[in-house]
Amino acid sequence: MIKRKTPHAGEPTPDDPSALAPDVLGQLQAALIDAVLSGTPLAGQSRALSMPDRAQLVGQSPVVLSSDNLGGPLHLKQAGAAPLQILSAQAIQQRAKNDGGWYYLRFEPPQPVANGVRLTLQLQAARSGQGGMPNLGMSAVQVSFEHTRQGWRALDDSAALSS
């Protein structure tokens, strides 16, 4: 009989990233947001993440993040950055309708990878106008995180995506 390893707290099962503890998911998401906003590498990586439309976002204050697909609390380390405001999808649409177009970040649902999870952070443009114009996807960054005995680490398979 083969004994199946029982995952430790926060460790994903091979096919279910939703089993990832919310606080661990929040820590990984916060690390990704910090790296994107600061233009610095994730811990353990040698190069900064590339998000083609990043300049559109960093000139805006506050930086808006959709509450869709968030894990636990986000503890950002980025000192001196514009404040981060977390809004629901409905609040984002209402703000675009009232205040005109602006940019925001949104996480896709986490995807399983071997021994870990892949996160995709999108930059989108909320557009104002009659008839509820759809939001425009601009660019995204994708990073895989692997759970090891030493903890979580970002893999070198990050990708920048643009629409």
Protein backbone atom coordinates (compact mmCIF):
# COMPACT_ATOMS: atom_id res chain seq x y z
CA MET A 1 0.00 0.00 0.00
CA ILE A 2 1.32 3.44 -0.95
CA LYS A 3 0.94 6.07 1.71
CA ARG A 4 -0.16 9.41 0.40
CA LYS A 5 1.64 12.40 1.86
CA THR A 6 -0.68 14.69 3.78
CA PRO A 7 -0.04 18.34 2.85
CA HIS A 8 1.01 20.70 5.64
CA ALA A 9 -1.00 23.85 6.32
CA GLY A 10 -0.78 26.21 3.37
CA GLU A 11 0.65 23.57 1.04
CA PRO A 12 -1.48 23.00 -2.08
CA THR A 13 -2.61 19.59 -3.20
CA PRO A 14 -1.40 18.67 -6.72
CA ASP A 15 -4.70 19.47 -8.44
CA ASP A 16 -6.39 21.94 -6.13
CA PRO A 17 -4.89 25.40 -5.57
CA SER A 18 -8.08 26.35 -3.73
CA ALA A 19 -6.76 24.12 -0.91
CA LEU A 20 -4.03 26.72 -0.46
CA ALA A 21 -4.55 28.49 2.87
CA PRO A 22 -6.01 31.98 2.27
CA ASP A 23 -3.27 33.69 4.29
CA VAL A 24 -0.57 31.94 2.21
CA LEU A 25 -2.32 32.93 -1.02
CA GLY A 26 -2.51 36.51 0.29
CA GLN A 27 1.24 36.48 1.04
CA LEU A 28 2.06 35.28 -2.48
CA GLN A 29 -0.31 37.82 -4.04
CA ALA A 30 1.19 40.64 -1.94
CA ALA A 31 4.71 39.64 -3.04
CA LEU A 32 3.61 39.74 -6.68
CA ILE A 33 1.92 43.14 -6.31
CA ASP A 34 5.00 44.54 -4.52
CA ALA A 35 7.29 43.30 -7.30
CA VAL A 36 5.09 44.74 -10.06
CA LEU A 37 4.56 48.15 -8.43
CA SER A 38 8.18 48.59 -7.38
CA GLY A 39 9.69 47.22 -10.59
CA THR A 40 11.96 44.93 -8.56
CA PRO A 41 12.54 41.17 -8.74
CA LEU A 42 10.62 38.73 -6.60
CA ALA A 43 12.71 37.24 -3.80
CA GLY A 44 15.06 34.67 -5.30
CA GLN A 45 14.79 36.01 -8.85
CA SER A 46 17.49 37.92 -10.68
CA ARG A 47 15.35 40.13 -12.91
CA ALA A 48 12.35 42.37 -12.38
CA LEU A 49 8.95 41.29 -13.60
CA SER A 50 7.88 42.91 -16.82
CA MET A 51 4.33 44.27 -17.19
CA PRO A 52 4.19 46.18 -20.49
CA ASP A 53 1.57 48.75 -19.38
CA ARG A 54 2.89 49.23 -15.83
CA ALA A 55 3.55 52.96 -16.36
CA GLN A 56 -0.20 53.56 -16.80
CA LEU A 57 -0.85 52.20 -13.32
CA VAL A 58 2.01 53.60 -11.25
CA GLY A 59 1.15 57.19 -12.14
CA GLN A 60 -2.29 56.78 -10.58
CA SER A 61 -3.14 57.21 -6.91
CA PRO A 62 -4.55 55.22 -5.30
CA VAL A 63 -3.61 51.98 -7.04
CA VAL A 64 -6.85 50.02 -7.28
CA LEU A 65 -7.04 46.24 -6.86
CA SER A 66 -10.17 44.22 -7.56
CA SER A 67 -11.29 42.04 -4.66
CA ASP A 68 -11.90 39.18 -7.13
CA ASN A 69 -9.87 36.05 -6.35
CA LEU A 70 -7.97 37.50 -3.39
CA GLY A 71 -6.66 35.22 -0.65
CA GLY A 72 -6.11 36.43 2.88
CA PRO A 73 -4.94 39.85 4.03
CA LEU A 74 -2.40 41.60 1.81
CA HIS A 75 0.60 42.96 3.71
CA LEU A 76 2.53 45.02 1.19
CA LYS A 77 6.17 45.84 1.88
CA GLN A 78 6.48 48.57 -0.75
CA ALA A 79 7.38 51.71 1.16
CA GLY A 80 6.47 55.02 -0.44
CA ALA A 81 4.12 53.51 -3.00
CA ALA A 82 0.75 54.99 -3.79
CA PRO A 83 -1.88 53.64 -1.40
CA LEU A 84 -3.61 50.43 -2.45
CA GLN A 85 -7.40 50.49 -2.50
CA ILE A 86 -9.29 47.18 -2.78
CA LEU A 87 -12.69 47.47 -4.46
CA SER A 88 -15.37 45.02 -5.56
CA ALA A 89 -16.08 44.60 -9.27
CA GLN A 90 -19.31 46.56 -8.80
CA ALA A 91 -17.50 49.44 -7.08
CA ILE A 92 -14.93 49.52 -9.90
CA GLN A 93 -17.71 49.80 -12.49
CA GLN A 94 -19.48 52.51 -10.49
CA ARG A 95 -16.28 54.50 -10.05
CA ALA A 96 -15.55 54.32 -13.79
CA LYS A 97 -19.08 55.51 -14.52
CA ASN A 98 -18.79 58.43 -12.07
CA ASP A 99 -15.14 59.43 -12.44
CA GLY A 100 -14.18 58.42 -15.96
CA GLY A 101 -11.71 55.78 -17.08
CA TRP A 102 -8.84 54.56 -14.93
CA TYR A 103 -6.65 51.50 -14.40
CA TYR A 104 -6.80 48.69 -11.87
CA LEU A 105 -5.23 45.33 -11.05
CA ARG A 106 -7.11 42.03 -10.89
CA PHE A 107 -6.00 38.49 -10.06
CA GLU A 108 -7.19 35.57 -12.15
CA PRO A 109 -8.14 32.44 -10.16
CA PRO A 110 -4.98 30.59 -9.01
CA GLN A 111 -3.96 27.69 -11.25
CA PRO A 112 -2.33 24.46 -10.08
CA VAL A 113 1.25 23.64 -11.09
CA ALA A 114 3.53 20.87 -9.82
CA ASN A 115 4.11 21.46 -6.09
CA GLY A 116 2.60 24.91 -6.24
CA VAL A 117 0.42 27.51 -7.82
CA ARG A 118 0.52 29.94 -10.78
CA LEU A 119 -0.76 33.47 -10.23
CA THR A 120 -1.81 35.83 -12.99
CA LEU A 121 -2.09 39.55 -12.21
CA GLN A 122 -3.86 41.59 -14.89
CA LEU A 123 -3.86 45.30 -15.55
CA GLN A 124 -7.24 46.41 -16.83
CA ALA A 125 -8.77 49.72 -17.85
CA ALA A 126 -12.18 50.52 -16.41
CA ARG A 127 -13.96 52.62 -19.01
CA SER A 128 -16.73 55.12 -18.58
CA GLY A 129 -19.49 55.71 -21.02
CA GLN A 130 -23.06 55.01 -21.98
CA GLY A 131 -24.25 51.44 -22.17
CA GLY A 132 -21.75 49.96 -19.70
CA MET A 133 -18.65 49.67 -21.87
CA PRO A 134 -16.71 46.51 -20.97
CA ASN A 135 -13.39 46.78 -19.17
CA LEU A 136 -10.35 46.54 -21.38
CA GLY A 137 -7.65 43.99 -20.59
CA MET A 138 -4.25 45.54 -21.15
CA SER A 139 -1.35 43.41 -19.93
CA ALA A 140 -0.61 40.77 -17.31
CA VAL A 141 2.19 39.01 -15.55
CA GLN A 142 2.16 35.30 -14.72
CA VAL A 143 4.35 33.75 -12.01
CA SER A 144 4.55 30.20 -10.67
CA PHE A 145 5.34 29.64 -7.02
CA GLU A 146 6.66 26.33 -5.72
CA HIS A 147 6.32 25.02 -2.19
CA THR A 148 9.62 23.58 -0.93
CA ARG A 149 10.88 22.47 2.48
CA GLN A 150 12.26 26.00 2.93
CA GLY A 151 8.91 27.62 2.09
CA TRP A 152 7.53 29.26 -1.04
CA ARG A 153 9.72 30.47 -3.90
CA ALA A 154 9.00 32.02 -7.28
CA LEU A 155 10.09 29.94 -10.26
CA ASP A 156 11.94 31.42 -13.22
CA ASP A 157 9.03 30.78 -15.59
CA SER A 158 7.38 34.21 -15.25
CA ALA A 159 5.76 35.61 -18.37
CA ALA A 160 4.56 39.04 -19.43
CA LEU A 161 1.37 39.02 -21.48
CA SER A 162 -0.22 41.83 -23.44
CA SER A 163 -3.50 42.20 -25.28
